[in-house]
Amino acid sequence: MIQLKRVYDEYSEDDGIRILVERLWPRGVSKEKARIDMWMKEIAPSTGLRKWFNHEDSKWEEFARRYRNELTDNTELKSLKEIVNRNRNITLIYSSRNKDHNSAVVLYGMLEP
């Protein structure tokens, strides 16, 4: 099972392997509180794409398309797919306030069969 969770949400034993999928460490969260098992910086959108999107809902569809394009040859995506195939519970951790329009949602869509 793959789930999505904000880094600011409470940790749960059901989270399984917690993988941070952000390029930057989330503000105001200690490493101890975040309880991250793995940080996959390179799977996050490029800095240019992230800044262009700026969490503007009107840019969501184009952002998702561009991010999927960036992920096409991403070696960390291949590694993440292998981790997903080997483990029962995976939680993709992100920091965005918007639970519906963020890079983890796009990534989740690429991992689910």
Protein backbone atom coordinates (compact mmCIF):
# COMPACT_ATOMS: atom_id res chain seq x y z
CA MET A 1 0.00 0.00 0.00
CA ILE A 2 1.25 3.45 -0.90
CA GLN A 3 -0.04 6.45 0.96
CA LEU A 4 0.66 10.17 0.98
CA LYS A 5 1.21 12.20 4.11
CA ARG A 6 2.36 15.70 5.00
CA VAL A 7 5.58 15.83 6.99
CA TYR A 8 3.67 17.89 9.58
CA ASP A 9 1.11 15.10 10.17
CA GLU A 10 1.51 12.69 13.06
CA TYR A 11 3.68 9.63 12.60
CA SER A 12 1.90 6.27 12.62
CA GLU A 13 3.20 2.71 12.81
CA ASP A 14 1.07 2.06 9.70
CA ASP A 15 3.24 4.46 7.68
CA GLY A 16 5.76 1.72 6.94
CA ILE A 17 8.77 3.13 5.11
CA ARG A 18 8.58 6.92 5.18
CA ILE A 19 10.19 8.49 2.11
CA LEU A 20 10.59 12.25 1.85
CA VAL A 21 10.07 13.22 -1.79
CA GLU A 22 11.02 16.91 -1.54
CA ARG A 23 14.18 18.58 -2.83
CA LEU A 24 14.39 20.84 0.24
CA TRP A 25 14.08 19.82 3.88
CA PRO A 26 10.72 21.04 5.27
CA ARG A 27 10.87 24.15 7.41
CA GLY A 28 10.50 23.86 11.14
CA VAL A 29 10.66 20.06 11.29
CA SER A 30 13.50 18.29 13.05
CA LYS A 31 14.86 15.05 11.65
CA GLU A 32 13.73 13.29 14.84
CA LYS A 33 10.13 14.53 14.54
CA ALA A 34 9.93 13.81 10.80
CA ARG A 35 10.97 10.16 11.30
CA ILE A 36 12.09 9.87 7.68
CA ASP A 37 13.58 6.53 6.59
CA MET A 38 14.81 7.76 3.22
CA TRP A 39 15.15 11.16 1.52
CA MET A 40 14.89 11.03 -2.27
CA LYS A 41 15.80 14.60 -3.25
CA GLU A 42 16.40 13.87 -6.91
CA ILE A 43 12.90 12.51 -7.46
CA ALA A 44 11.41 15.92 -6.63
CA PRO A 45 10.58 18.43 -9.37
CA SER A 46 13.47 20.51 -10.63
CA THR A 47 14.01 23.85 -8.93
CA GLY A 48 12.88 25.67 -12.07
CA LEU A 49 9.64 23.70 -12.31
CA ARG A 50 8.93 24.05 -8.60
CA LYS A 51 9.40 27.81 -8.73
CA TRP A 52 7.32 28.13 -11.91
CA PHE A 53 4.41 26.19 -10.36
CA ASN A 54 4.52 28.19 -7.12
CA HIS A 55 1.58 26.08 -5.84
CA GLU A 56 -0.85 27.93 -8.11
CA ASP A 57 -3.87 25.72 -8.75
CA SER A 58 -4.38 27.26 -12.20
CA LYS A 59 -1.02 25.75 -13.26
CA TRP A 60 -1.73 22.29 -11.85
CA GLU A 61 -2.40 20.37 -15.08
CA GLU A 62 0.64 21.81 -16.84
CA PHE A 63 2.81 21.27 -13.76
CA ALA A 64 1.75 17.61 -13.56
CA ARG A 65 2.50 17.11 -17.26
CA ARG A 66 5.94 18.73 -16.99
CA TYR A 67 6.80 16.82 -13.82
CA ARG A 68 5.81 13.47 -15.38
CA ASN A 69 8.08 14.40 -18.28
CA GLU A 70 10.96 15.08 -15.87
CA LEU A 71 10.39 11.70 -14.24
CA THR A 72 10.68 9.80 -17.54
CA ASP A 73 14.40 9.08 -17.18
CA ASN A 74 14.72 9.63 -13.43
CA THR A 75 16.89 6.93 -11.82
CA GLU A 76 15.39 7.57 -8.38
CA LEU A 77 11.93 6.78 -9.79
CA LYS A 78 13.24 3.39 -10.85
CA SER A 79 14.68 2.86 -7.36
CA LEU A 80 11.42 3.93 -5.75
CA LYS A 81 9.45 1.49 -7.90
CA GLU A 82 11.74 -1.30 -6.71
CA ILE A 83 11.20 -0.26 -3.07
CA VAL A 84 7.44 -0.24 -3.61
CA ASN A 85 7.55 -3.72 -5.15
CA ARG A 86 9.54 -5.11 -2.20
CA ASN A 87 7.55 -3.55 0.67
CA ARG A 88 3.97 -3.62 1.84
CA ASN A 89 3.63 -0.14 3.31
CA ILE A 90 5.22 2.96 1.82
CA THR A 91 4.38 6.54 2.75
CA LEU A 92 5.45 9.34 0.45
CA ILE A 93 6.13 12.35 2.65
CA TYR A 94 5.69 15.88 1.28
CA SER A 95 5.48 19.37 2.78
CA SER A 96 2.95 21.22 0.61
CA ARG A 97 -0.16 22.61 2.30
CA ASN A 98 -2.24 21.65 -0.73
CA LYS A 99 -3.08 17.96 -0.34
CA ASP A 100 -4.56 17.67 -3.84
CA HIS A 101 -2.07 19.60 -5.97
CA ASN A 102 1.51 18.72 -5.12
CA SER A 103 4.36 16.73 -6.63
CA ALA A 104 3.74 13.70 -4.37
CA VAL A 105 0.28 13.32 -5.95
CA VAL A 106 1.86 13.14 -9.41
CA LEU A 107 4.49 10.69 -8.16
CA TYR A 108 1.83 8.52 -6.54
CA GLY A 109 0.00 8.36 -9.86
CA MET A 110 3.14 7.04 -11.54
CA LEU A 111 3.60 4.31 -8.91
CA GLU A 112 0.09 2.93 -8.68
CA PRO A 113 -0.68 0.20 -11.25
